[in-house]
């Protein structure tokens, strides 16, 4: 899809999205390939994104860090976009939340064990 020059004023380039979200341009292209982001094209063929692309990319990064797949994130996008969900989407969201919470709990146990080891090693030169 191409856009007119007047319409491009409110759009941002791929590099701006990448910098704003703290990711590489390659990552932004990957999100587009996965169907997570939609780019418009300038008359010269440059990818252009809505301003909210930065927040979306940050969201994707958070979800990937939490262990979600591209497919699962794609399933979450309608919830993000509209704020409305059906019963199946809510169940999926709750299941993902429970999985992330279990991961956090495991990490907190690991952190406590590391703190114990640090405390022990701090008493010995």
Protein backbone atom coordinates (compact mmCIF):
# COMPACT_ATOMS: atom_id res chain seq x y z
CA UNK A 1 0.00 0.00 0.00
CA UNK A 2 1.38 3.40 -0.89
CA UNK A 3 0.51 6.68 0.73
CA UNK A 4 0.51 10.22 -0.49
CA UNK A 5 3.13 12.63 0.74
CA UNK A 6 0.56 14.57 2.79
CA UNK A 7 -0.40 11.38 4.62
CA UNK A 8 3.21 10.44 5.36
CA UNK A 9 3.59 13.37 7.77
CA UNK A 10 1.89 11.41 10.54
CA UNK A 11 3.76 8.21 9.75
CA UNK A 12 7.24 7.24 10.89
CA UNK A 13 10.02 5.33 9.18
CA UNK A 14 11.23 1.91 10.19
CA UNK A 15 14.41 3.30 11.77
CA UNK A 16 12.38 5.57 14.02
CA UNK A 17 10.25 2.63 15.13
CA UNK A 18 13.34 0.56 15.84
CA UNK A 19 15.09 3.33 17.81
CA UNK A 20 11.96 4.25 19.73
CA UNK A 21 11.33 0.66 20.74
CA UNK A 22 14.98 -0.21 21.35
CA UNK A 23 15.14 -2.99 18.76
CA UNK A 24 16.89 -3.53 15.46
CA UNK A 25 15.40 -2.65 12.09
CA UNK A 26 15.62 -6.36 11.34
CA UNK A 27 13.34 -7.08 14.31
CA UNK A 28 10.75 -4.61 13.01
CA UNK A 29 10.87 -6.31 9.59
CA UNK A 30 10.43 -9.68 11.30
CA UNK A 31 7.32 -8.44 13.12
CA UNK A 32 5.95 -7.28 9.80
CA UNK A 33 6.69 -10.67 8.19
CA UNK A 34 4.89 -12.38 11.07
CA UNK A 35 1.82 -10.21 10.48
CA UNK A 36 2.22 -8.39 13.78
CA UNK A 37 2.85 -4.97 12.21
CA UNK A 38 1.48 -3.42 9.06
CA UNK A 39 3.59 -0.99 7.09
CA UNK A 40 2.38 1.41 4.51
CA UNK A 41 4.70 2.40 1.68
CA UNK A 42 5.85 5.83 0.63
CA UNK A 43 5.86 6.66 -3.09
CA UNK A 44 9.55 5.69 -3.07
CA UNK A 45 8.80 2.34 -1.39
CA UNK A 46 9.96 3.11 2.16
CA UNK A 47 8.16 1.37 4.99
CA UNK A 48 6.06 3.78 7.04
CA UNK A 49 4.31 3.01 10.31
CA UNK A 50 1.70 4.60 12.50
CA UNK A 51 3.04 6.29 15.67
CA UNK A 52 1.62 3.48 17.84
CA UNK A 53 4.03 1.01 16.19
CA UNK A 54 6.65 1.86 18.82
CA UNK A 55 4.33 0.87 21.67
CA UNK A 56 3.30 -2.27 19.77
CA UNK A 57 6.91 -3.32 19.22
CA UNK A 58 7.63 -2.81 22.93
CA UNK A 59 4.58 -4.98 23.69
CA UNK A 60 5.88 -7.67 21.30
CA UNK A 61 9.27 -7.59 23.00
CA UNK A 62 7.67 -8.00 26.42
CA UNK A 63 5.53 -10.89 25.24
CA UNK A 64 8.49 -12.62 23.55
CA UNK A 65 10.52 -12.19 26.76
CA UNK A 66 7.66 -13.80 28.65
CA UNK A 67 7.84 -16.80 26.33
CA UNK A 68 4.92 -16.17 24.00
CA UNK A 69 5.19 -17.15 20.35
CA UNK A 70 4.44 -14.96 17.35
CA UNK A 71 1.27 -16.96 16.80
CA UNK A 72 0.10 -16.37 20.37
CA UNK A 73 0.90 -12.67 20.14
CA UNK A 74 -1.15 -12.52 16.93
CA UNK A 75 -4.05 -14.01 18.89
CA UNK A 76 -3.59 -11.29 21.54
CA UNK A 77 -3.65 -8.38 19.09
CA UNK A 78 -7.44 -8.15 18.75
CA UNK A 79 -7.61 -7.88 22.55
CA UNK A 80 -4.99 -5.11 22.46
CA UNK A 81 -6.70 -3.28 19.61
CA UNK A 82 -10.29 -3.39 20.77
CA UNK A 83 -10.14 -4.11 24.48
CA UNK A 84 -12.89 -6.65 23.93
CA UNK A 85 -12.55 -10.40 24.21
CA UNK A 86 -14.69 -13.46 23.94
CA UNK A 87 -14.65 -16.31 26.46
CA UNK A 88 -11.99 -18.26 24.53
CA UNK A 89 -9.67 -15.25 24.33
CA UNK A 90 -10.11 -14.52 28.03
CA UNK A 91 -9.27 -18.14 28.87
CA UNK A 92 -6.15 -17.91 26.69
CA UNK A 93 -5.11 -14.64 28.35
CA UNK A 94 -5.57 -16.14 31.81
CA UNK A 95 -3.62 -19.28 30.85
CA UNK A 96 -0.74 -17.15 29.55
CA UNK A 97 -0.84 -15.03 32.69
CA UNK A 98 -0.69 -18.15 34.87
CA UNK A 99 2.25 -19.48 32.83
CA UNK A 100 4.11 -16.17 33.18
CA UNK A 101 3.39 -16.06 36.92
CA UNK A 102 4.77 -19.59 37.32
CA UNK A 103 7.90 -18.49 35.47
CA UNK A 104 8.23 -15.46 37.78
CA UNK A 105 7.81 -17.70 40.83
CA UNK A 106 10.55 -20.03 39.57
CA UNK A 107 12.84 -17.07 38.92
CA UNK A 108 12.21 -15.69 42.40
CA UNK A 109 13.22 -19.03 43.92
CA UNK A 110 16.39 -19.02 41.78
CA UNK A 111 17.10 -15.44 42.85
CA UNK A 112 16.75 -16.34 46.51
CA UNK A 113 19.17 -19.26 46.06
CA UNK A 114 21.68 -16.97 44.34
CA UNK A 115 21.34 -14.50 47.22
CA UNK A 116 22.14 -17.35 49.62
CA UNK A 117 25.25 -18.30 47.68
CA UNK A 118 26.34 -14.66 47.50
CA UNK A 119 25.82 -14.27 51.25
CA UNK A 120 27.92 -17.37 51.92
CA UNK A 121 30.71 -16.32 49.56
CA UNK A 122 30.73 -12.80 50.97
CA UNK A 123 31.81 -14.21 54.33
CA UNK A 124 34.82 -15.96 52.78
CA UNK A 125 37.62 -14.11 51.00
